[in-house]
Amino acid sequence: MSKVLVVDDSKTIRAIAGMYLKKFNVDTLFAEDGFDALSLIIKEKPSLIFVDIVMPKIDGYQLCTMIKSNQGCKEIPVIILSSRDTVFDKAKGKISGCDGYLVKPFTQDEIIELTKKYVQLN
């Protein structure tokens, strides 16, 4: 079973993403900040990571850069998950190494389509 990590400081966003992904038998892991995410990534080796931009301690861009610069996890696709929908934010995401960008609020179809792009769903 594929593991997907959702990193967002909003409990509501984590719950919604988890609810949508669970319908497709995706083992979903959750972190509320970048520090929690880093330890989960090392321990669990998720197949895909969704990361919010605005978080305490480490923002989504910094977390993406850390993931992509780590030899052990740089191949894991990272999707920015944000309410920011500007060209600047999307460009900054690309510079940090993200593999995609999903704007909040997102639909079940949007998150599942992006997930299908990177992991096998049942």
PDB file of N, CA and C in Angstrom:
ATOM      1  N   MET A   1       0.850  -1.187   0.000  1.00  0.00           N
ATOM      2  CA  MET A   1       0.000   0.000   0.000  1.00  0.00           C
ATOM      3  C   MET A   1       0.893   1.248   0.000  1.00  0.00           C
ATOM      4  N   SER A   2       0.501   2.216  -0.790  1.00  0.00           N
ATOM      5  CA  SER A   2       1.248   3.472  -0.877  1.00  0.00           C
ATOM      6  C   SER A   2       1.017   4.311   0.366  1.00  0.00           C
ATOM      7  N   LYS A   3       2.072   4.995   0.805  1.00  0.00           N
ATOM      8  CA  LYS A   3       1.968   5.915   1.930  1.00  0.00           C
ATOM      9  C   LYS A   3       2.070   7.329   1.402  1.00  0.00           C
ATOM     10  N   VAL A   4       1.136   8.165   1.836  1.00  0.00           N
ATOM     11  CA  VAL A   4       1.147   9.578   1.465  1.00  0.00           C
ATOM     12  C   VAL A   4       1.199  10.390   2.752  1.00  0.00           C
ATOM     13  N   LEU A   5       2.118  11.340   2.800  1.00  0.00           N
ATOM     14  CA  LEU A   5       2.257  12.217   3.956  1.00  0.00           C
ATOM     15  C   LEU A   5       1.623  13.567   3.644  1.00  0.00           C
ATOM     16  N   VAL A   6       0.753  14.024   4.528  1.00  0.00           N
ATOM     17  CA  VAL A   6       0.126  15.344   4.414  1.00  0.00           C
ATOM     18  C   VAL A   6       0.670  16.204   5.554  1.00  0.00           C
ATOM     19  N   VAL A   7       1.367  17.274   5.182  1.00  0.00           N
ATOM     20  CA  VAL A   7       1.974  18.175   6.170  1.00  0.00           C
ATOM     21  C   VAL A   7       1.241  19.508   6.100  1.00  0.00           C
ATOM     22  N   ASP A   8       0.483  19.801   7.152  1.00  0.00           N
ATOM     23  CA  ASP A   8      -0.284  21.047   7.191  1.00  0.00           C
ATOM     24  C   ASP A   8      -0.579  21.360   8.648  1.00  0.00           C
ATOM     25  N   ASP A   9      -0.459  22.624   9.033  1.00  0.00           N
ATOM     26  CA  ASP A   9      -0.742  22.992  10.413  1.00  0.00           C
ATOM     27  C   ASP A   9      -2.244  23.088  10.695  1.00  0.00           C
ATOM     28  N   SER A  10      -3.065  22.953   9.663  1.00  0.00           N
ATOM     29  CA  SER A  10      -4.520  22.972   9.839  1.00  0.00           C
ATOM     30  C   SER A  10      -5.046  21.539  10.015  1.00  0.00           C
ATOM     31  N   LYS A  11      -5.639  21.315  11.179  1.00  0.00           N
ATOM     32  CA  LYS A  11      -6.229  19.999  11.462  1.00  0.00           C
ATOM     33  C   LYS A  11      -7.331  19.682  10.447  1.00  0.00           C
ATOM     34  N   THR A  12      -8.077  20.702  10.051  1.00  0.00           N
ATOM     35  CA  THR A  12      -9.169  20.521   9.095  1.00  0.00           C
ATOM     36  C   THR A  12      -8.643  20.047   7.736  1.00  0.00           C
ATOM     37  N   ILE A  13      -7.593  20.689   7.241  1.00  0.00           N
ATOM     38  CA  ILE A  13      -7.019  20.295   5.942  1.00  0.00           C
ATOM     39  C   ILE A  13      -6.481  18.872   6.017  1.00  0.00           C
ATOM     40  N   ARG A  14      -5.791  18.532   7.113  1.00  0.00           N
ATOM     41  CA  ARG A  14      -5.287  17.166   7.281  1.00  0.00           C
ATOM     42  C   ARG A  14      -6.436  16.172   7.266  1.00  0.00           C
ATOM     43  N   ALA A  15      -7.528  16.491   7.958  1.00  0.00           N
ATOM     44  CA  ALA A  15      -8.680  15.591   8.031  1.00  0.00           C
ATOM     45  C   ALA A  15      -9.350  15.417   6.663  1.00  0.00           C
ATOM     46  N   ILE A  16      -9.513  16.506   5.939  1.00  0.00           N
ATOM     47  CA  ILE A  16     -10.155  16.437   4.615  1.00  0.00           C
ATOM     48  C   ILE A  16      -9.292  15.626   3.650  1.00  0.00           C
ATOM     49  N   ALA A  17      -8.003  15.921   3.608  1.00  0.00           N
ATOM     50  CA  ALA A  17      -7.101  15.174   2.721  1.00  0.00           C
ATOM     51  C   ALA A  17      -7.115  13.698   3.092  1.00  0.00           C
ATOM     52  N   GLY A  18      -7.052  13.409   4.384  1.00  0.00           N
ATOM     53  CA  GLY A  18      -7.078  12.016   4.832  1.00  0.00           C
ATOM     54  C   GLY A  18      -8.359  11.307   4.447  1.00  0.00           C
ATOM     55  N   MET A  19      -9.488  11.994   4.585  1.00  0.00           N
ATOM     56  CA  MET A  19     -10.783  11.406   4.229  1.00  0.00           C
ATOM     57  C   MET A  19     -10.833  11.068   2.734  1.00  0.00           C
ATOM     58  N   TYR A  20     -10.369  11.996   1.895  1.00  0.00           N
ATOM     59  CA  TYR A  20     -10.377  11.761   0.456  1.00  0.00           C
ATOM     60  C   TYR A  20      -9.450  10.610   0.070  1.00  0.00           C
ATOM     61  N   LEU A  21      -8.247  10.587   0.644  1.00  0.00           N
ATOM     62  CA  LEU A  21      -7.262   9.562   0.283  1.00  0.00           C
ATOM     63  C   LEU A  21      -7.647   8.185   0.809  1.00  0.00           C
ATOM     64  N   LYS A  22      -8.283   8.146   1.982  1.00  0.00           N
ATOM     65  CA  LYS A  22      -8.689   6.867   2.575  1.00  0.00           C
ATOM     66  C   LYS A  22      -9.694   6.128   1.684  1.00  0.00           C
ATOM     67  N   LYS A  23     -10.530   6.883   0.973  1.00  0.00           N
ATOM     68  CA  LYS A  23     -11.513   6.272   0.065  1.00  0.00           C
ATOM     69  C   LYS A  23     -10.836   5.441  -1.025  1.00  0.00           C
ATOM     70  N   PHE A  24      -9.560   5.734  -1.278  1.00  0.00           N
ATOM     71  CA  PHE A  24      -8.812   5.024  -2.315  1.00  0.00           C
ATOM     72  C   PHE A  24      -7.724   4.128  -1.698  1.00  0.00           C
ATOM     73  N   ASN A  25      -7.964   3.738  -0.427  1.00  0.00           N
ATOM     74  CA  ASN A  25      -7.071   2.825   0.298  1.00  0.00           C
ATOM     75  C   ASN A  25      -5.630   3.313   0.363  1.00  0.00           C
ATOM     76  N   VAL A  26      -5.451   4.607   0.504  1.00  0.00           N
ATOM     77  CA  VAL A  26      -4.109   5.168   0.650  1.00  0.00           C
ATOM     78  C   VAL A  26      -3.788   5.250   2.138  1.00  0.00           C
ATOM     79  N   ASP A  27      -2.647   4.701   2.530  1.00  0.00           N
ATOM     80  CA  ASP A  27      -2.173   4.810   3.905  1.00  0.00           C
ATOM     81  C   ASP A  27      -1.673   6.241   4.078  1.00  0.00           C
ATOM     82  N   THR A  28      -2.414   7.046   4.839  1.00  0.00           N
ATOM     83  CA  THR A  28      -2.107   8.464   4.959  1.00  0.00           C
ATOM     84  C   THR A  28      -1.471   8.767   6.311  1.00  0.00           C
ATOM     85  N   LEU A  29      -0.340   9.450   6.251  1.00  0.00           N
ATOM     86  CA  LEU A  29       0.374   9.897   7.440  1.00  0.00           C
ATOM     87  C   LEU A  29       0.191  11.403   7.553  1.00  0.00           C
ATOM     88  N   PHE A  30       0.288  11.925   8.774  1.00  0.00           N
ATOM     89  CA  PHE A  30       0.050  13.352   8.982  1.00  0.00           C
ATOM     90  C   PHE A  30       1.140  13.973   9.849  1.00  0.00           C
ATOM     91  N   ALA A  31       1.481  15.206   9.525  1.00  0.00           N
ATOM     92  CA  ALA A  31       2.386  16.010  10.353  1.00  0.00           C
ATOM     93  C   ALA A  31       1.848  17.432  10.358  1.00  0.00           C
ATOM     94  N   GLU A  32       1.976  18.103  11.503  1.00  0.00           N
ATOM     95  CA  GLU A  32       1.451  19.468  11.580  1.00  0.00           C
ATOM     96  C   GLU A  32       2.511  20.527  11.377  1.00  0.00           C
ATOM     97  N   ASP A  33       3.787  20.110  11.285  1.00  0.00           N
ATOM     98  CA  ASP A  33       4.836  21.066  10.973  1.00  0.00           C
ATOM     99  C   ASP A  33       6.015  20.354  10.319  1.00  0.00           C
ATOM    100  N   GLY A  34       6.971  21.138   9.855  1.00  0.00           N
ATOM    101  CA  GLY A  34       8.110  20.594   9.122  1.00  0.00           C
ATOM    102  C   GLY A  34       9.000  19.683   9.943  1.00  0.00           C
ATOM    103  N   PHE A  35       9.163  19.987  11.237  1.00  0.00           N
ATOM    104  CA  PHE A  35       9.996  19.133  12.086  1.00  0.00           C
ATOM    105  C   PHE A  35       9.393  17.747  12.228  1.00  0.00           C
ATOM    106  N   ASP A  36       8.081  17.693  12.514  1.00  0.00           N
ATOM    107  CA  ASP A  36       7.406  16.394  12.606  1.00  0.00           C
ATOM    108  C   ASP A  36       7.501  15.652  11.273  1.00  0.00           C
ATOM    109  N   ALA A  37       7.355  16.392  10.190  1.00  0.00           N
ATOM    110  CA  ALA A  37       7.408  15.789   8.855  1.00  0.00           C
ATOM    111  C   ALA A  37       8.764  15.152   8.581  1.00  0.00           C
ATOM    112  N   LEU A  38       9.843  15.837   8.917  1.00  0.00           N
ATOM    113  CA  LEU A  38      11.177  15.312   8.643  1.00  0.00           C
ATOM    114  C   LEU A  38      11.400  13.957   9.307  1.00  0.00           C
ATOM    115  N   SER A  39      10.998  13.820  10.567  1.00  0.00           N
ATOM    116  CA  SER A  39      11.193  12.533  11.238  1.00  0.00           C
ATOM    117  C   SER A  39      10.309  11.448  10.622  1.00  0.00           C
ATOM    118  N   LEU A  40       9.091  11.797  10.231  1.00  0.00           N
ATOM    119  CA  LEU A  40       8.208  10.819   9.575  1.00  0.00           C
ATOM    120  C   LEU A  40       8.751  10.386   8.211  1.00  0.00           C
ATOM    121  N   ILE A  41       9.296  11.326   7.477  1.00  0.00           N
ATOM    122  CA  ILE A  41       9.842  11.020   6.148  1.00  0.00           C
ATOM    123  C   ILE A  41      10.991  10.025   6.267  1.00  0.00           C
ATOM    124  N   ILE A  42      11.886  10.251   7.222  1.00  0.00           N
ATOM    125  CA  ILE A  42      13.024   9.352   7.418  1.00  0.00           C
ATOM    126  C   ILE A  42      12.537   7.967   7.855  1.00  0.00           C
ATOM    127  N   LYS A  43      11.591   7.948   8.790  1.00  0.00           N
ATOM    128  CA  LYS A  43      11.103   6.693   9.374  1.00  0.00           C
ATOM    129  C   LYS A  43      10.204   5.906   8.418  1.00  0.00           C
ATOM    130  N   GLU A  44       9.274   6.586   7.760  1.00  0.00           N
ATOM    131  CA  GLU A  44       8.221   5.918   6.990  1.00  0.00           C
ATOM    132  C   GLU A  44       8.456   5.842   5.483  1.00  0.00           C
ATOM    133  N   LYS A  45       9.326   6.683   4.939  1.00  0.00           N
ATOM    134  CA  LYS A  45       9.589   6.720   3.489  1.00  0.00           C
ATOM    135  C   LYS A  45       8.285   6.750   2.673  1.00  0.00           C
ATOM    136  N   PRO A  46       7.522   7.848   2.794  1.00  0.00           N
ATOM    137  CA  PRO A  46       6.265   7.914   2.028  1.00  0.00           C
ATOM    138  C   PRO A  46       6.526   7.944   0.522  1.00  0.00           C
ATOM    139  N   SER A  47       5.514   7.561  -0.234  1.00  0.00           N
ATOM    140  CA  SER A  47       5.602   7.558  -1.699  1.00  0.00           C
ATOM    141  C   SER A  47       5.332   8.937  -2.286  1.00  0.00           C
ATOM    142  N   LEU A  48       4.654   9.794  -1.514  1.00  0.00           N
ATOM    143  CA  LEU A  48       4.250  11.124  -1.965  1.00  0.00           C
ATOM    144  C   LEU A  48       4.064  12.003  -0.732  1.00  0.00           C
ATOM    145  N   ILE A  49       4.390  13.298  -0.882  1.00  0.00           N
ATOM    146  CA  ILE A  49       4.241  14.239   0.228  1.00  0.00           C
ATOM    147  C   ILE A  49       3.496  15.485  -0.259  1.00  0.00           C
ATOM    148  N   PHE A  50       2.436  15.859   0.464  1.00  0.00           N
ATOM    149  CA  PHE A  50       1.735  17.123   0.251  1.00  0.00           C
ATOM    150  C   PHE A  50       2.177  18.064   1.367  1.00  0.00           C
ATOM    151  N   VAL A  51       2.619  19.277   1.015  1.00  0.00           N
ATOM    152  CA  VAL A  51       3.178  20.205   1.997  1.00  0.00           C
ATOM    153  C   VAL A  51       2.536  21.585   1.878  1.00  0.00           C
ATOM    154  N   ASP A  52       2.013  22.069   3.001  1.00  0.00           N
ATOM    155  CA  ASP A  52       1.497  23.442   3.069  1.00  0.00           C
ATOM    156  C   ASP A  52       2.680  24.407   3.040  1.00  0.00           C
ATOM    157  N   ILE A  53       2.482  25.602   2.526  1.00  0.00           N
ATOM    158  CA  ILE A  53       3.549  26.598   2.501  1.00  0.00           C
ATOM    159  C   ILE A  53       3.688  27.276   3.857  1.00  0.00           C
ATOM    160  N   VAL A  54       2.589  27.803   4.388  1.00  0.00           N
ATOM    161  CA  VAL A  54       2.645  28.600   5.607  1.00  0.00           C
ATOM    162  C   VAL A  54       2.467  27.694   6.827  1.00  0.00           C
ATOM    163  N   MET A  55       3.600  27.424   7.491  1.00  0.00           N
ATOM    164  CA  MET A  55       3.595  26.601   8.697  1.00  0.00           C
ATOM    165  C   MET A  55       4.598  27.187   9.693  1.00  0.00           C
ATOM    166  N   PRO A  56       4.403  26.904  10.973  1.00  0.00           N
ATOM    167  CA  PRO A  56       5.378  27.375  11.953  1.00  0.00           C
ATOM    168  C   PRO A  56       6.697  26.600  11.831  1.00  0.00           C
ATOM    169  N   LYS A  57       7.750  27.175  12.318  1.00  0.00           N
ATOM    170  CA  LYS A  57       9.090  26.587  12.389  1.00  0.00           C
ATOM    171  C   LYS A  57       9.761  26.480  11.026  1.00  0.00           C
ATOM    172  N   ILE A  58       9.292  25.580  10.185  1.00  0.00           N
ATOM    173  CA  ILE A  58       9.855  25.397   8.838  1.00  0.00           C
ATOM    174  C   ILE A  58       8.715  25.560   7.849  1.00  0.00           C
ATOM    175  N   ASP A  59       8.816  26.494   6.901  1.00  0.00           N
ATOM    176  CA  ASP A  59       7.722  26.643   5.927  1.00  0.00           C
ATOM    177  C   ASP A  59       7.830  25.554   4.845  1.00  0.00           C
ATOM    178  N   GLY A  60       6.811  25.475   4.025  1.00  0.00           N
ATOM    179  CA  GLY A  60       6.750  24.436   3.003  1.00  0.00           C
ATOM    180  C   GLY A  60       7.873  24.496   1.990  1.00  0.00           C
ATOM    181  N   TYR A  61       8.287  25.695   1.619  1.00  0.00           N
ATOM    182  CA  TYR A  61       9.397  25.826   0.669  1.00  0.00           C
ATOM    183  C   TYR A  61      10.688  25.276   1.272  1.00  0.00           C
ATOM    184  N   GLN A  62      10.953  25.636   2.534  1.00  0.00           N
ATOM    185  CA  GLN A  62      12.159  25.151   3.209  1.00  0.00           C
ATOM    186  C   GLN A  62      12.125  23.635   3.351  1.00  0.00           C
ATOM    187  N   LEU A  63      10.971  23.096   3.721  1.00  0.00           N
ATOM    188  CA  LEU A  63      10.837  21.650   3.873  1.00  0.00           C
ATOM    189  C   LEU A  63      11.074  20.943   2.546  1.00  0.00           C
ATOM    190  N   CYS A  64      10.504  21.469   1.481  1.00  0.00           N
ATOM    191  CA  CYS A  64      10.700  20.880   0.157  1.00  0.00           C
ATOM    192  C   CYS A  64      12.182  20.890  -0.220  1.00  0.00           C
ATOM    193  N   THR A  65      12.851  21.996   0.019  1.00  0.00           N
ATOM    194  CA  THR A  65      14.280  22.099  -0.278  1.00  0.00           C
ATOM    195  C   THR A  65      15.075  21.071   0.522  1.00  0.00           C
ATOM    196  N   MET A  66      14.729  20.891   1.791  1.00  0.00           N
ATOM    197  CA  MET A  66      15.418  19.903   2.629  1.00  0.00           C
ATOM    198  C   MET A  66      15.203  18.483   2.099  1.00  0.00           C
ATOM    199  N   ILE A  67      13.977  18.183   1.723  1.00  0.00           N
ATOM    200  CA  ILE A  67      13.666  16.845   1.205  1.00  0.00           C
ATOM    201  C   ILE A  67      14.455  16.593  -0.073  1.00  0.00           C
ATOM    202  N   LYS A  68      14.423  17.561  -0.980  1.00  0.00           N
ATOM    203  CA  LYS A  68      15.056  17.376  -2.287  1.00  0.00           C
ATOM    204  C   LYS A  68      16.584  17.403  -2.220  1.00  0.00           C
ATOM    205  N   SER A  69      17.146  17.918  -1.134  1.00  0.00           N
ATOM    206  CA  SER A  69      18.603  17.935  -1.018  1.00  0.00           C
ATOM    207  C   SER A  69      19.138  16.752  -0.206  1.00  0.00           C
ATOM    208  N   ASN A  70      18.232  15.918   0.296  1.00  0.00           N
ATOM    209  CA  ASN A  70      18.627  14.742   1.069  1.00  0.00           C
ATOM    210  C   ASN A  70      18.712  13.530   0.150  1.00  0.00           C
ATOM    211  N   GLN A  71      19.862  12.906   0.112  1.00  0.00           N
ATOM    212  CA  GLN A  71      20.103  11.775  -0.780  1.00  0.00           C
ATOM    213  C   GLN A  71      19.074  10.660  -0.590  1.00  0.00           C
ATOM    214  N   GLY A  72      18.650  10.418   0.654  1.00  0.00           N
ATOM    215  CA  GLY A  72      17.736   9.322   0.939  1.00  0.00           C
ATOM    216  C   GLY A  72      16.288   9.558   0.570  1.00  0.00           C
ATOM    217  N   CYS A  73      15.915  10.811   0.329  1.00  0.00           N
ATOM    218  CA  CYS A  73      14.500  11.059   0.029  1.00  0.00           C
ATOM    219  C   CYS A  73      14.259  12.023  -1.122  1.00  0.00           C
ATOM    220  N   LYS A  74      15.288  12.378  -1.848  1.00  0.00           N
ATOM    221  CA  LYS A  74      15.117  13.380  -2.908  1.00  0.00           C
ATOM    222  C   LYS A  74      14.221  12.902  -4.056  1.00  0.00           C
ATOM    223  N   GLU A  75      14.022  11.591  -4.179  1.00  0.00           N
ATOM    224  CA  GLU A  75      13.171  11.057  -5.249  1.00  0.00           C
ATOM    225  C   GLU A  75      11.682  11.070  -4.898  1.00  0.00           C
ATOM    226  N   ILE A  76      11.359  11.363  -3.633  1.00  0.00           N
ATOM    227  CA  ILE A  76       9.952  11.394  -3.226  1.00  0.00           C
ATOM    228  C   ILE A  76       9.296  12.645  -3.815  1.00  0.00           C
ATOM    229  N   PRO A  77       8.211  12.477  -4.569  1.00  0.00           N
ATOM    230  CA  PRO A  77       7.517  13.654  -5.113  1.00  0.00           C
ATOM    231  C   PRO A  77       6.914  14.500  -3.988  1.00  0.00           C
ATOM    232  N   VAL A  78       7.055  15.815  -4.130  1.00  0.00           N
ATOM    233  CA  VAL A  78       6.512  16.759  -3.151  1.00  0.00           C
ATOM    234  C   VAL A  78       5.560  17.699  -3.880  1.00  0.00           C
ATOM    235  N   ILE A  79       4.329  17.772  -3.376  1.00  0.00           N
ATOM    236  CA  ILE A  79       3.310  18.655  -3.939  1.00  0.00           C
ATOM    237  C   ILE A  79       3.050  19.763  -2.931  1.00  0.00           C
ATOM    238  N   ILE A  80       3.190  21.004  -3.363  1.00  0.00           N
ATOM    239  CA  ILE A  80       2.849  22.149  -2.511  1.00  0.00           C
ATOM    240  C   ILE A  80       1.329  22.221  -2.416  1.00  0.00           C
ATOM    241  N   LEU A  81       0.851  22.414  -1.194  1.00  0.00           N
ATOM    242  CA  LEU A  81      -0.579  22.486  -0.903  1.00  0.00           C
ATOM    243  C   LEU A  81      -0.804  23.849  -0.258  1.00  0.00           C
ATOM    244  N   SER A  82      -1.437  24.773  -0.992  1.00  0.00           N
ATOM    245  CA  SER A  82      -1.502  26.136  -0.471  1.00  0.00           C
ATOM    246  C   SER A  82      -2.722  26.911  -0.940  1.00  0.00           C
ATOM    247  N   SER A  83      -3.096  27.882  -0.129  1.00  0.00           N
ATOM    248  CA  SER A  83      -4.165  28.799  -0.548  1.00  0.00           C
ATOM    249  C   SER A  83      -3.589  29.926  -1.405  1.00  0.00           C
ATOM    250  N   ARG A  84      -2.263  30.022  -1.449  1.00  0.00           N
ATOM    251  CA  ARG A  84      -1.597  31.026  -2.290  1.00  0.00           C
ATOM    252  C   ARG A  84      -1.566  30.520  -3.730  1.00  0.00           C
ATOM    253  N   ASP A  85      -2.100  31.331  -4.626  1.00  0.00           N
ATOM    254  CA  ASP A  85      -2.242  30.893  -6.016  1.00  0.00           C
ATOM    255  C   ASP A  85      -1.617  31.889  -6.994  1.00  0.00           C
ATOM    256  N   THR A  86      -0.495  32.487  -6.617  1.00  0.00           N
ATOM    257  CA  THR A  86       0.127  33.466  -7.508  1.00  0.00           C
ATOM    258  C   THR A  86       1.239  32.814  -8.325  1.00  0.00           C
ATOM    259  N   VAL A  87       1.595  33.445  -9.402  1.00  0.00           N
ATOM    260  CA  VAL A  87       2.710  32.972 -10.230  1.00  0.00           C
ATOM    261  C   VAL A  87       3.990  32.944  -9.400  1.00  0.00           C
ATOM    262  N   PHE A  88       4.179  33.958  -8.543  1.00  0.00           N
ATOM    263  CA  PHE A  88       5.361  34.030  -7.689  1.00  0.00           C
ATOM    264  C   PHE A  88       5.445  32.801  -6.775  1.00  0.00           C
ATOM    265  N   ASP A  89       4.330  32.456  -6.131  1.00  0.00           N
ATOM    266  CA  ASP A  89       4.327  31.315  -5.211  1.00  0.00           C
ATOM    267  C   ASP A  89       4.608  30.001  -5.945  1.00  0.00           C
ATOM    268  N   LYS A  90       4.021  29.857  -7.119  1.00  0.00           N
ATOM    269  CA  LYS A  90       4.253  28.629  -7.901  1.00  0.00           C
ATOM    270  C   LYS A  90       5.707  28.556  -8.379  1.00  0.00           C
ATOM    271  N   ALA A  91       6.266  29.697  -8.767  1.00  0.00           N
ATOM    272  CA  ALA A  91       7.672  29.731  -9.197  1.00  0.00           C
ATOM    273  C   ALA A  91       8.592  29.413  -8.021  1.00  0.00           C
ATOM    274  N   LYS A  92       8.289  29.971  -6.864  1.00  0.00           N
ATOM    275  CA  LYS A  92       9.098  29.691  -5.673  1.00  0.00           C
ATOM    276  C   LYS A  92       9.025  28.201  -5.321  1.00  0.00           C
ATOM    277  N   GLY A  93       7.856  27.601  -5.527  1.00  0.00           N
ATOM    278  CA  GLY A  93       7.706  26.167  -5.303  1.00  0.00           C
ATOM    279  C   GLY A  93       8.595  25.358  -6.228  1.00  0.00           C
ATOM    280  N   LYS A  94       8.627  25.736  -7.489  1.00  0.00           N
ATOM    281  CA  LYS A  94       9.488  25.048  -8.470  1.00  0.00           C
ATOM    282  C   LYS A  94      10.958  25.194  -8.092  1.00  0.00           C
ATOM    283  N   ILE A  95      11.349  26.392  -7.671  1.00  0.00           N
ATOM    284  CA  ILE A  95      12.737  26.633  -7.270  1.00  0.00           C
ATOM    285  C   ILE A  95      13.110  25.754  -6.075  1.00  0.00           C
ATOM    286  N   SER A  96      12.156  25.540  -5.167  1.00  0.00           N
ATOM    287  CA  SER A  96      12.434  24.710  -3.987  1.00  0.00           C
ATOM    288  C   SER A  96      12.458  23.218  -4.320  1.00  0.00           C
ATOM    289  N   GLY A  97      12.021  22.889  -5.551  1.00  0.00           N
ATOM    290  CA  GLY A  97      12.089  21.497  -5.994  1.00  0.00           C
ATOM    291  C   GLY A  97      10.774  20.750  -6.014  1.00  0.00           C
ATOM    292  N   CYS A  98       9.664  21.441  -5.767  1.00  0.00           N
ATOM    293  CA  CYS A  98       8.386  20.728  -5.731  1.00  0.00           C
ATOM    294  C   CYS A  98       8.037  20.141  -7.097  1.00  0.00           C
ATOM    295  N   ASP A  99       7.224  19.092  -7.045  1.00  0.00           N
ATOM    296  CA  ASP A  99       6.829  18.382  -8.263  1.00  0.00           C
ATOM    297  C   ASP A  99       5.447  18.780  -8.754  1.00  0.00           C
ATOM    298  N   GLY A 100       4.728  19.557  -7.952  1.00  0.00           N
ATOM    299  CA  GLY A 100       3.392  19.988  -8.332  1.00  0.00           C
ATOM    300  C   GLY A 100       2.852  20.985  -7.332  1.00  0.00           C
ATOM    301  N   TYR A 101       1.664  21.518  -7.631  1.00  0.00           N
ATOM    302  CA  TYR A 101       1.082  22.575  -6.814  1.00  0.00           C
ATOM    303  C   TYR A 101      -0.425  22.364  -6.782  1.00  0.00           C
ATOM    304  N   LEU A 102      -0.992  22.264  -5.598  1.00  0.00           N
ATOM    305  CA  LEU A 102      -2.427  22.088  -5.431  1.00  0.00           C
ATOM    306  C   LEU A 102      -2.958  23.237  -4.586  1.00  0.00           C
ATOM    307  N   VAL A 103      -3.950  23.940  -5.114  1.00  0.00           N
ATOM    308  CA  VAL A 103      -4.498  25.120  -4.441  1.00  0.00           C
ATOM    309  C   VAL A 103      -5.666  24.728  -3.541  1.00  0.00           C
ATOM    310  N   LYS A 104      -5.626  25.262  -2.302  1.00  0.00           N
ATOM    311  CA  LYS A 104      -6.736  25.075  -1.358  1.00  0.00           C
ATOM    312  C   LYS A 104      -7.791  26.126  -1.620  1.00  0.00           C
ATOM    313  N   PRO A 105      -9.038  25.844  -1.455  1.00  0.00           N
ATOM    314  CA  PRO A 105      -9.580  24.536  -1.118  1.00  0.00           C
ATOM    315  C   PRO A 105      -9.544  23.613  -2.340  1.00  0.00           C
ATOM    316  N   PHE A 106      -9.189  22.382  -2.115  1.00  0.00           N
ATOM    317  CA  PHE A 106      -9.084  21.410  -3.197  1.00  0.00           C
ATOM    318  C   PHE A 106     -10.264  20.442  -3.142  1.00  0.00           C
ATOM    319  N   THR A 107     -10.543  19.824  -4.260  1.00  0.00           N
ATOM    320  CA  THR A 107     -11.617  18.829  -4.322  1.00  0.00           C
ATOM    321  C   THR A 107     -11.021  17.428  -4.214  1.00  0.00           C
ATOM    322  N   GLN A 108     -11.883  16.473  -3.982  1.00  0.00           N
ATOM    323  CA  GLN A 108     -11.435  15.078  -3.944  1.00  0.00           C
ATOM    324  C   GLN A 108     -10.810  14.699  -5.279  1.00  0.00           C
ATOM    325  N   ASP A 109     -11.441  15.085  -6.371  1.00  0.00           N
ATOM    326  CA  ASP A 109     -10.901  14.748  -7.698  1.00  0.00           C
ATOM    327  C   ASP A 109      -9.507  15.323  -7.909  1.00  0.00           C
ATOM    328  N   GLU A 110      -9.280  16.559  -7.455  1.00  0.00           N
ATOM    329  CA  GLU A 110      -7.964  17.190  -7.642  1.00  0.00           C
ATOM    330  C   GLU A 110      -6.865  16.463  -6.878  1.00  0.00           C
ATOM    331  N   ILE A 111      -7.123  16.137  -5.614  1.00  0.00           N
ATOM    332  CA  ILE A 111      -6.077  15.483  -4.827  1.00  0.00           C
ATOM    333  C   ILE A 111      -5.845  14.045  -5.299  1.00  0.00           C
ATOM    334  N   ILE A 112      -6.907  13.393  -5.740  1.00  0.00           N
ATOM    335  CA  ILE A 112      -6.756  12.014  -6.222  1.00  0.00           C
ATOM    336  C   ILE A 112      -6.019  11.997  -7.563  1.00  0.00           C
ATOM    337  N   GLU A 113      -6.333  12.920  -8.454  1.00  0.00           N
ATOM    338  CA  GLU A 113      -5.622  12.979  -9.741  1.00  0.00           C
ATOM    339  C   GLU A 113      -4.129  13.197  -9.546  1.00  0.00           C
ATOM    340  N   LEU A 114      -3.779  14.124  -8.665  1.00  0.00           N
ATOM    341  CA  LEU A 114      -2.361  14.360  -8.392  1.00  0.00           C
ATOM    342  C   LEU A 114      -1.712  13.143  -7.740  1.00  0.00           C
ATOM    343  N   THR A 115      -2.427  12.503  -6.846  1.00  0.00           N
ATOM    344  CA  THR A 115      -1.890  11.306  -6.184  1.00  0.00           C
ATOM    345  C   THR A 115      -1.666  10.199  -7.206  1.00  0.00           C
ATOM    346  N   LYS A 116      -2.623   9.989  -8.106  1.00  0.00           N
ATOM    347  CA  LYS A 116      -2.504   8.952  -9.149  1.00  0.00           C
ATOM    348  C   LYS A 116      -1.292   9.177 -10.048  1.00  0.00           C
ATOM    349  N   LYS A 117      -0.926  10.415 -10.213  1.00  0.00           N
ATOM    350  CA  LYS A 117       0.217  10.747 -11.060  1.00  0.00           C
ATOM    351  C   LYS A 117       1.521  10.167 -10.510  1.00  0.00           C
ATOM    352  N   TYR A 118       1.576  10.001  -9.174  1.00  0.00           N
ATOM    353  CA  TYR A 118       2.819   9.583  -8.538  1.00  0.00           C
ATOM    354  C   TYR A 118       2.789   8.237  -7.828  1.00  0.00           C
ATOM    355  N   VAL A 119       1.585   7.761  -7.458  1.00  0.00           N
ATOM    356  CA  VAL A 119       1.497   6.468  -6.766  1.00  0.00           C
ATOM    357  C   VAL A 119       0.388   5.616  -7.357  1.00  0.00           C
ATOM    358  N   GLN A 120       0.539   4.318  -7.197  1.00  0.00           N
ATOM    359  CA  GLN A 120      -0.475   3.359  -7.658  1.00  0.00           C
ATOM    360  C   GLN A 120      -1.610   3.302  -6.655  1.00  0.00           C
ATOM    361  N   LEU A 121      -2.831   3.556  -7.101  1.00  0.00           N
ATOM    362  CA  LEU A 121      -3.990   3.467  -6.222  1.00  0.00           C
ATOM    363  C   LEU A 121      -4.743   2.180  -6.503  1.00  0.00           C
ATOM    364  N   ASN A 122      -5.374   1.649  -5.456  1.00  0.00           N
ATOM    365  CA  ASN A 122      -6.171   0.414  -5.618  1.00  0.00           C
ATOM    366  C   ASN A 122      -7.533   0.720  -6.177  1.00  0.00           C
TER     367      ASN A 122
END
